[in-house]
Amino acid sequence: MGNWQLEIGRMALYIAFPVAMFTYFNQPQYFEDWVIKNKRDMYNAKSVKDQKEFENTINSLRRKQELKLLNQLEAKESS
């Protein structure tokens, strides 16, 4: 083992290292460009257009299914 100065130095390192890493990596100027670039890649105009087309397709399928069910109910009621 070491003397008390070594233990104090180790404890200071154990505390200072995570605090320093947290402070360094939480600075927005270090990763702001990277985040913006990734968001643009993930949510570009084409993906928004594709999402709207997908939602429109789902809505049209739901409408067709509802019409089919209404027709079946009308057929049962008229019988």
PDB file of N, CA and C in Angstrom:
ATOM      1  N   MET A   1       0.831  -1.188   0.000  1.00  0.00           N
ATOM      2  CA  MET A   1       0.000   0.000   0.000  1.00  0.00           C
ATOM      3  C   MET A   1       0.872   1.246   0.000  1.00  0.00           C
ATOM      4  N   GLY A   2       0.241   2.344  -0.195  1.00  0.00           N
ATOM      5  CA  GLY A   2       0.963   3.616  -0.196  1.00  0.00           C
ATOM      6  C   GLY A   2       0.594   4.425   1.023  1.00  0.00           C
ATOM      7  N   ASN A   3       1.197   5.579   1.083  1.00  0.00           N
ATOM      8  CA  ASN A   3       0.888   6.428   2.222  1.00  0.00           C
ATOM      9  C   ASN A   3      -0.368   7.254   1.931  1.00  0.00           C
ATOM     10  N   TRP A   4      -0.744   8.123   2.847  1.00  0.00           N
ATOM     11  CA  TRP A   4      -2.006   8.849   2.728  1.00  0.00           C
ATOM     12  C   TRP A   4      -1.996   9.806   1.542  1.00  0.00           C
ATOM     13  N   GLN A   5      -0.825  10.340   1.116  1.00  0.00           N
ATOM     14  CA  GLN A   5      -0.791  11.246  -0.038  1.00  0.00           C
ATOM     15  C   GLN A   5      -1.175  10.494  -1.322  1.00  0.00           C
ATOM     16  N   LEU A   6      -0.740   9.257  -1.446  1.00  0.00           N
ATOM     17  CA  LEU A   6      -1.097   8.450  -2.606  1.00  0.00           C
ATOM     18  C   LEU A   6      -2.604   8.187  -2.627  1.00  0.00           C
ATOM     19  N   GLU A   7      -3.159   7.880  -1.470  1.00  0.00           N
ATOM     20  CA  GLU A   7      -4.603   7.623  -1.398  1.00  0.00           C
ATOM     21  C   GLU A   7      -5.399   8.878  -1.734  1.00  0.00           C
ATOM     22  N   ILE A   8      -4.960  10.018  -1.256  1.00  0.00           N
ATOM     23  CA  ILE A   8      -5.634  11.283  -1.571  1.00  0.00           C
ATOM     24  C   ILE A   8      -5.524  11.568  -3.068  1.00  0.00           C
ATOM     25  N   GLY A   9      -4.369  11.331  -3.655  1.00  0.00           N
ATOM     26  CA  GLY A   9      -4.179  11.533  -5.098  1.00  0.00           C
ATOM     27  C   GLY A   9      -5.077  10.617  -5.918  1.00  0.00           C
ATOM     28  N   ARG A  10      -5.170   9.361  -5.506  1.00  0.00           N
ATOM     29  CA  ARG A  10      -6.045   8.422  -6.222  1.00  0.00           C
ATOM     30  C   ARG A  10      -7.505   8.835  -6.108  1.00  0.00           C
ATOM     31  N   MET A  11      -7.926   9.243  -4.929  1.00  0.00           N
ATOM     32  CA  MET A  11      -9.309   9.657  -4.730  1.00  0.00           C
ATOM     33  C   MET A  11      -9.607  10.910  -5.556  1.00  0.00           C
ATOM     34  N   ALA A  12      -8.642  11.831  -5.603  1.00  0.00           N
ATOM     35  CA  ALA A  12      -8.832  13.038  -6.418  1.00  0.00           C
ATOM     36  C   ALA A  12      -8.969  12.657  -7.892  1.00  0.00           C
ATOM     37  N   LEU A  13      -8.192  11.693  -8.357  1.00  0.00           N
ATOM     38  CA  LEU A  13      -8.280  11.236  -9.740  1.00  0.00           C
ATOM     39  C   LEU A  13      -9.626  10.558  -9.996  1.00  0.00           C
ATOM     40  N   TYR A  14     -10.076   9.725  -9.042  1.00  0.00           N
ATOM     41  CA  TYR A  14     -11.362   9.049  -9.197  1.00  0.00           C
ATOM     42  C   TYR A  14     -12.511  10.038  -9.297  1.00  0.00           C
ATOM     43  N   ILE A  15     -12.414  11.146  -8.603  1.00  0.00           N
ATOM     44  CA  ILE A  15     -13.475  12.147  -8.633  1.00  0.00           C
ATOM     45  C   ILE A  15     -13.303  13.093  -9.816  1.00  0.00           C
ATOM     46  N   ALA A  16     -12.075  13.514 -10.091  1.00  0.00           N
ATOM     47  CA  ALA A  16     -11.837  14.524 -11.120  1.00  0.00           C
ATOM     48  C   ALA A  16     -12.027  13.974 -12.529  1.00  0.00           C
ATOM     49  N   PHE A  17     -11.676  12.729 -12.776  1.00  0.00           N
ATOM     50  CA  PHE A  17     -11.775  12.182 -14.127  1.00  0.00           C
ATOM     51  C   PHE A  17     -13.213  12.162 -14.641  1.00  0.00           C
ATOM     52  N   PRO A  18     -14.184  11.598 -13.922  1.00  0.00           N
ATOM     53  CA  PRO A  18     -15.564  11.626 -14.439  1.00  0.00           C
ATOM     54  C   PRO A  18     -16.118  13.038 -14.578  1.00  0.00           C
ATOM     55  N   VAL A  19     -15.780  13.916 -13.636  1.00  0.00           N
ATOM     56  CA  VAL A  19     -16.266  15.293 -13.718  1.00  0.00           C
ATOM     57  C   VAL A  19     -15.674  15.982 -14.945  1.00  0.00           C
ATOM     58  N   ALA A  20     -14.397  15.766 -15.206  1.00  0.00           N
ATOM     59  CA  ALA A  20     -13.762  16.375 -16.377  1.00  0.00           C
ATOM     60  C   ALA A  20     -14.356  15.821 -17.671  1.00  0.00           C
ATOM     61  N   MET A  21     -14.591  14.510 -17.748  1.00  0.00           N
ATOM     62  CA  MET A  21     -15.185  13.921 -18.954  1.00  0.00           C
ATOM     63  C   MET A  21     -16.607  14.435 -19.166  1.00  0.00           C
ATOM     64  N   PHE A  22     -17.374  14.536 -18.077  1.00  0.00           N
ATOM     65  CA  PHE A  22     -18.737  15.059 -18.182  1.00  0.00           C
ATOM     66  C   PHE A  22     -18.710  16.489 -18.698  1.00  0.00           C
ATOM     67  N   THR A  23     -17.825  17.295 -18.149  1.00  0.00           N
ATOM     68  CA  THR A  23     -17.729  18.692 -18.571  1.00  0.00           C
ATOM     69  C   THR A  23     -17.293  18.799 -20.029  1.00  0.00           C
ATOM     70  N   TYR A  24     -16.328  18.002 -20.437  1.00  0.00           N
ATOM     71  CA  TYR A  24     -15.833  18.069 -21.815  1.00  0.00           C
ATOM     72  C   TYR A  24     -16.889  17.614 -22.810  1.00  0.00           C
ATOM     73  N   PHE A  25     -17.507  16.479 -22.559  1.00  0.00           N
ATOM     74  CA  PHE A  25     -18.432  15.917 -23.538  1.00  0.00           C
ATOM     75  C   PHE A  25     -19.817  16.542 -23.498  1.00  0.00           C
ATOM     76  N   ASN A  26     -20.112  17.380 -22.527  1.00  0.00           N
ATOM     77  CA  ASN A  26     -21.397  18.072 -22.497  1.00  0.00           C
ATOM     78  C   ASN A  26     -21.327  19.466 -23.110  1.00  0.00           C
ATOM     79  N   GLN A  27     -20.259  19.788 -23.782  1.00  0.00           N
ATOM     80  CA  GLN A  27     -20.150  21.075 -24.459  1.00  0.00           C
ATOM     81  C   GLN A  27     -20.759  20.956 -25.843  1.00  0.00           C
ATOM     82  N   PRO A  28     -21.820  21.726 -26.150  1.00  0.00           N
ATOM     83  CA  PRO A  28     -22.511  21.559 -27.433  1.00  0.00           C
ATOM     84  C   PRO A  28     -21.643  21.881 -28.641  1.00  0.00           C
ATOM     85  N   GLN A  29     -20.673  22.758 -28.505  1.00  0.00           N
ATOM     86  CA  GLN A  29     -19.870  23.098 -29.675  1.00  0.00           C
ATOM     87  C   GLN A  29     -19.034  21.917 -30.174  1.00  0.00           C
ATOM     88  N   TYR A  30     -18.812  20.914 -29.327  1.00  0.00           N
ATOM     89  CA  TYR A  30     -18.025  19.762 -29.741  1.00  0.00           C
ATOM     90  C   TYR A  30     -18.819  18.791 -30.602  1.00  0.00           C
ATOM     91  N   PHE A  31     -20.109  18.710 -30.405  1.00  0.00           N
ATOM     92  CA  PHE A  31     -20.879  17.719 -31.153  1.00  0.00           C
ATOM     93  C   PHE A  31     -22.099  18.295 -31.854  1.00  0.00           C
ATOM     94  N   GLU A  32     -22.283  19.599 -31.855  1.00  0.00           N
ATOM     95  CA  GLU A  32     -23.465  20.202 -32.466  1.00  0.00           C
ATOM     96  C   GLU A  32     -23.529  19.930 -33.964  1.00  0.00           C
ATOM     97  N   ASP A  33     -22.417  20.106 -34.666  1.00  0.00           N
ATOM     98  CA  ASP A  33     -22.401  19.849 -36.113  1.00  0.00           C
ATOM     99  C   ASP A  33     -22.718  18.384 -36.417  1.00  0.00           C
ATOM    100  N   TRP A  34     -22.181  17.491 -35.614  1.00  0.00           N
ATOM    101  CA  TRP A  34     -22.422  16.061 -35.827  1.00  0.00           C
ATOM    102  C   TRP A  34     -23.900  15.728 -35.633  1.00  0.00           C
ATOM    103  N   VAL A  35     -24.521  16.285 -34.597  1.00  0.00           N
ATOM    104  CA  VAL A  35     -25.927  16.017 -34.326  1.00  0.00           C
ATOM    105  C   VAL A  35     -26.797  16.580 -35.448  1.00  0.00           C
ATOM    106  N   ILE A  36     -26.512  17.790 -35.889  1.00  0.00           N
ATOM    107  CA  ILE A  36     -27.298  18.410 -36.962  1.00  0.00           C
ATOM    108  C   ILE A  36     -27.188  17.592 -38.236  1.00  0.00           C
ATOM    109  N   LYS A  37     -25.984  17.142 -38.573  1.00  0.00           N
ATOM    110  CA  LYS A  37     -25.779  16.343 -39.787  1.00  0.00           C
ATOM    111  C   LYS A  37     -26.570  15.038 -39.707  1.00  0.00           C
ATOM    112  N   ASN A  38     -26.522  14.372 -38.567  1.00  0.00           N
ATOM    113  CA  ASN A  38     -27.248  13.115 -38.419  1.00  0.00           C
ATOM    114  C   ASN A  38     -28.753  13.315 -38.477  1.00  0.00           C
ATOM    115  N   LYS A  39     -29.253  14.392 -37.885  1.00  0.00           N
ATOM    116  CA  LYS A  39     -30.691  14.660 -37.948  1.00  0.00           C
ATOM    117  C   LYS A  39     -31.128  14.929 -39.372  1.00  0.00           C
ATOM    118  N   ARG A  40     -30.309  15.649 -40.127  1.00  0.00           N
ATOM    119  CA  ARG A  40     -30.650  15.908 -41.529  1.00  0.00           C
ATOM    120  C   ARG A  40     -30.645  14.628 -42.340  1.00  0.00           C
ATOM    121  N   ASP A  41     -29.726  13.730 -42.037  1.00  0.00           N
ATOM    122  CA  ASP A  41     -29.690  12.445 -42.742  1.00  0.00           C
ATOM    123  C   ASP A  41     -30.904  11.590 -42.395  1.00  0.00           C
ATOM    124  N   MET A  42     -31.302  11.602 -41.133  1.00  0.00           N
ATOM    125  CA  MET A  42     -32.410  10.754 -40.701  1.00  0.00           C
ATOM    126  C   MET A  42     -33.763  11.306 -41.121  1.00  0.00           C
ATOM    127  N   TYR A  43     -33.929  12.612 -41.056  1.00  0.00           N
ATOM    128  CA  TYR A  43     -35.230  13.229 -41.320  1.00  0.00           C
ATOM    129  C   TYR A  43     -35.153  14.178 -42.504  1.00  0.00           C
ATOM    130  N   ASN A  44     -34.671  13.687 -43.608  1.00  0.00           N
ATOM    131  CA  ASN A  44     -34.600  14.536 -44.791  1.00  0.00           C
ATOM    132  C   ASN A  44     -35.983  14.682 -45.415  1.00  0.00           C
ATOM    133  N   ALA A  45     -36.091  15.523 -46.423  1.00  0.00           N
ATOM    134  CA  ALA A  45     -37.387  15.813 -47.037  1.00  0.00           C
ATOM    135  C   ALA A  45     -38.001  14.557 -47.654  1.00  0.00           C
ATOM    136  N   LYS A  46     -37.159  13.682 -48.193  1.00  0.00           N
ATOM    137  CA  LYS A  46     -37.684  12.474 -48.811  1.00  0.00           C
ATOM    138  C   LYS A  46     -38.346  11.572 -47.781  1.00  0.00           C
ATOM    139  N   SER A  47     -37.742  11.435 -46.606  1.00  0.00           N
ATOM    140  CA  SER A  47     -38.341  10.563 -45.594  1.00  0.00           C
ATOM    141  C   SER A  47     -39.655  11.153 -45.082  1.00  0.00           C
ATOM    142  N   VAL A  48     -39.755  12.475 -45.015  1.00  0.00           N
ATOM    143  CA  VAL A  48     -41.014  13.103 -44.605  1.00  0.00           C
ATOM    144  C   VAL A  48     -42.078  12.847 -45.664  1.00  0.00           C
ATOM    145  N   LYS A  49     -41.693  12.953 -46.935  1.00  0.00           N
ATOM    146  CA  LYS A  49     -42.628  12.684 -48.032  1.00  0.00           C
ATOM    147  C   LYS A  49     -43.063  11.218 -47.998  1.00  0.00           C
ATOM    148  N   ASP A  50     -42.115  10.317 -47.793  1.00  0.00           N
ATOM    149  CA  ASP A  50     -42.442   8.897 -47.707  1.00  0.00           C
ATOM    150  C   ASP A  50     -43.365   8.622 -46.528  1.00  0.00           C
ATOM    151  N   GLN A  51     -43.135   9.291 -45.420  1.00  0.00           N
ATOM    152  CA  GLN A  51     -43.990   9.106 -44.240  1.00  0.00           C
ATOM    153  C   GLN A  51     -45.413   9.546 -44.542  1.00  0.00           C
ATOM    154  N   LYS A  52     -45.571  10.673 -45.235  1.00  0.00           N
ATOM    155  CA  LYS A  52     -46.913  11.138 -45.580  1.00  0.00           C
ATOM    156  C   LYS A  52     -47.599  10.179 -46.542  1.00  0.00           C
ATOM    157  N   GLU A  53     -46.863   9.654 -47.512  1.00  0.00           N
ATOM    158  CA  GLU A  53     -47.438   8.668 -48.429  1.00  0.00           C
ATOM    159  C   GLU A  53     -47.874   7.415 -47.664  1.00  0.00           C
ATOM    160  N   PHE A  54     -47.063   6.998 -46.727  1.00  0.00           N
ATOM    161  CA  PHE A  54     -47.384   5.835 -45.906  1.00  0.00           C
ATOM    162  C   PHE A  54     -48.661   6.077 -45.111  1.00  0.00           C
ATOM    163  N   GLU A  55     -48.780   7.246 -44.489  1.00  0.00           N
ATOM    164  CA  GLU A  55     -49.990   7.574 -43.727  1.00  0.00           C
ATOM    165  C   GLU A  55     -51.216   7.643 -44.631  1.00  0.00           C
ATOM    166  N   ASN A  56     -51.065   8.210 -45.825  1.00  0.00           N
ATOM    167  CA  ASN A  56     -52.177   8.270 -46.767  1.00  0.00           C
ATOM    168  C   ASN A  56     -52.631   6.874 -47.186  1.00  0.00           C
ATOM    169  N   THR A  57     -51.688   5.981 -47.408  1.00  0.00           N
ATOM    170  CA  THR A  57     -52.015   4.606 -47.775  1.00  0.00           C
ATOM    171  C   THR A  57     -52.775   3.916 -46.648  1.00  0.00           C
ATOM    172  N   ILE A  58     -52.324   4.102 -45.436  1.00  0.00           N
ATOM    173  CA  ILE A  58     -53.006   3.495 -44.288  1.00  0.00           C
ATOM    174  C   ILE A  58     -54.427   4.043 -44.179  1.00  0.00           C
ATOM    175  N   ASN A  59     -54.586   5.345 -44.343  1.00  0.00           N
ATOM    176  CA  ASN A  59     -55.928   5.939 -44.259  1.00  0.00           C
ATOM    177  C   ASN A  59     -56.845   5.413 -45.357  1.00  0.00           C
ATOM    178  N   SER A  60     -56.328   5.278 -46.563  1.00  0.00           N
ATOM    179  CA  SER A  60     -57.169   4.761 -47.649  1.00  0.00           C
ATOM    180  C   SER A  60     -57.564   3.306 -47.392  1.00  0.00           C
ATOM    181  N   LEU A  61     -56.646   2.496 -46.874  1.00  0.00           N
ATOM    182  CA  LEU A  61     -56.981   1.116 -46.542  1.00  0.00           C
ATOM    183  C   LEU A  61     -58.025   1.053 -45.434  1.00  0.00           C
ATOM    184  N   ARG A  62     -57.912   1.920 -44.456  1.00  0.00           N
ATOM    185  CA  ARG A  62     -58.917   1.957 -43.385  1.00  0.00           C
ATOM    186  C   ARG A  62     -60.284   2.334 -43.929  1.00  0.00           C
ATOM    187  N   ARG A  63     -60.320   3.321 -44.832  1.00  0.00           N
ATOM    188  CA  ARG A  63     -61.595   3.726 -45.424  1.00  0.00           C
ATOM    189  C   ARG A  63     -62.234   2.577 -46.195  1.00  0.00           C
ATOM    190  N   LYS A  64     -61.396   1.850 -46.976  1.00  0.00           N
ATOM    191  CA  LYS A  64     -61.918   0.709 -47.734  1.00  0.00           C
ATOM    192  C   LYS A  64     -62.476  -0.355 -46.795  1.00  0.00           C
ATOM    193  N   GLN A  65     -61.760  -0.613 -45.696  1.00  0.00           N
ATOM    194  CA  GLN A  65     -62.211  -1.618 -44.750  1.00  0.00           C
ATOM    195  C   GLN A  65     -63.515  -1.191 -44.072  1.00  0.00           C
ATOM    196  N   GLU A  66     -63.618   0.094 -43.725  1.00  0.00           N
ATOM    197  CA  GLU A  66     -64.852   0.580 -43.111  1.00  0.00           C
ATOM    198  C   GLU A  66     -66.028   0.482 -44.078  1.00  0.00           C
ATOM    199  N   LEU A  67     -65.789   0.820 -45.342  1.00  0.00           N
ATOM    200  CA  LEU A  67     -66.860   0.691 -46.333  1.00  0.00           C
ATOM    201  C   LEU A  67     -67.301  -0.765 -46.489  1.00  0.00           C
ATOM    202  N   LYS A  68     -66.348  -1.660 -46.489  1.00  0.00           N
ATOM    203  CA  LYS A  68     -66.670  -3.080 -46.607  1.00  0.00           C
ATOM    204  C   LYS A  68     -67.515  -3.541 -45.416  1.00  0.00           C
ATOM    205  N   LEU A  69     -67.150  -3.115 -44.212  1.00  0.00           N
ATOM    206  CA  LEU A  69     -67.916  -3.485 -43.025  1.00  0.00           C
ATOM    207  C   LEU A  69     -69.314  -2.864 -43.055  1.00  0.00           C
ATOM    208  N   LEU A  70     -69.410  -1.619 -43.506  1.00  0.00           N
ATOM    209  CA  LEU A  70     -70.725  -0.990 -43.607  1.00  0.00           C
ATOM    210  C   LEU A  70     -71.612  -1.729 -44.602  1.00  0.00           C
ATOM    211  N   ASN A  71     -71.041  -2.125 -45.729  1.00  0.00           N
ATOM    212  CA  ASN A  71     -71.806  -2.888 -46.718  1.00  0.00           C
ATOM    213  C   ASN A  71     -72.277  -4.222 -46.144  1.00  0.00           C
ATOM    214  N   GLN A  72     -71.429  -4.879 -45.384  1.00  0.00           N
ATOM    215  CA  GLN A  72     -71.815  -6.153 -44.759  1.00  0.00           C
ATOM    216  C   GLN A  72     -72.931  -5.938 -43.745  1.00  0.00           C
ATOM    217  N   LEU A  73     -72.834  -4.854 -42.955  1.00  0.00           N
ATOM    218  CA  LEU A  73     -73.902  -4.565 -41.992  1.00  0.00           C
ATOM    219  C   LEU A  73     -75.223  -4.242 -42.679  1.00  0.00           C
ATOM    220  N   GLU A  74     -75.157  -3.496 -43.753  1.00  0.00           N
ATOM    221  CA  GLU A  74     -76.373  -3.171 -44.505  1.00  0.00           C
ATOM    222  C   GLU A  74     -76.992  -4.438 -45.105  1.00  0.00           C
ATOM    223  N   ALA A  75     -76.144  -5.334 -45.566  1.00  0.00           N
ATOM    224  CA  ALA A  75     -76.637  -6.580 -46.121  1.00  0.00           C
ATOM    225  C   ALA A  75     -77.316  -7.426 -45.044  1.00  0.00           C
ATOM    226  N   LYS A  76     -76.756  -7.442 -43.840  1.00  0.00           N
ATOM    227  CA  LYS A  76     -77.373  -8.199 -42.747  1.00  0.00           C
ATOM    228  C   LYS A  76     -78.682  -7.563 -42.324  1.00  0.00           C
ATOM    229  N   GLU A  77     -78.731  -6.246 -42.289  1.00  0.00           N
ATOM    230  CA  GLU A  77     -79.951  -5.563 -41.863  1.00  0.00           C
ATOM    231  C   GLU A  77     -81.081  -5.740 -42.881  1.00  0.00           C
ATOM    232  N   SER A  78     -80.737  -5.772 -44.134  1.00  0.00           N
ATOM    233  CA  SER A  78     -81.771  -5.915 -45.153  1.00  0.00           C
ATOM    234  C   SER A  78     -82.279  -7.360 -45.257  1.00  0.00           C
ATOM    235  N   SER A  79     -81.492  -8.312 -44.733  1.00  0.00           N
ATOM    236  CA  SER A  79     -81.917  -9.728 -44.786  1.00  0.00           C
ATOM    237  C   SER A  79     -82.993 -10.052 -43.804  1.00  0.00           C
TER     238      SER A  79
END
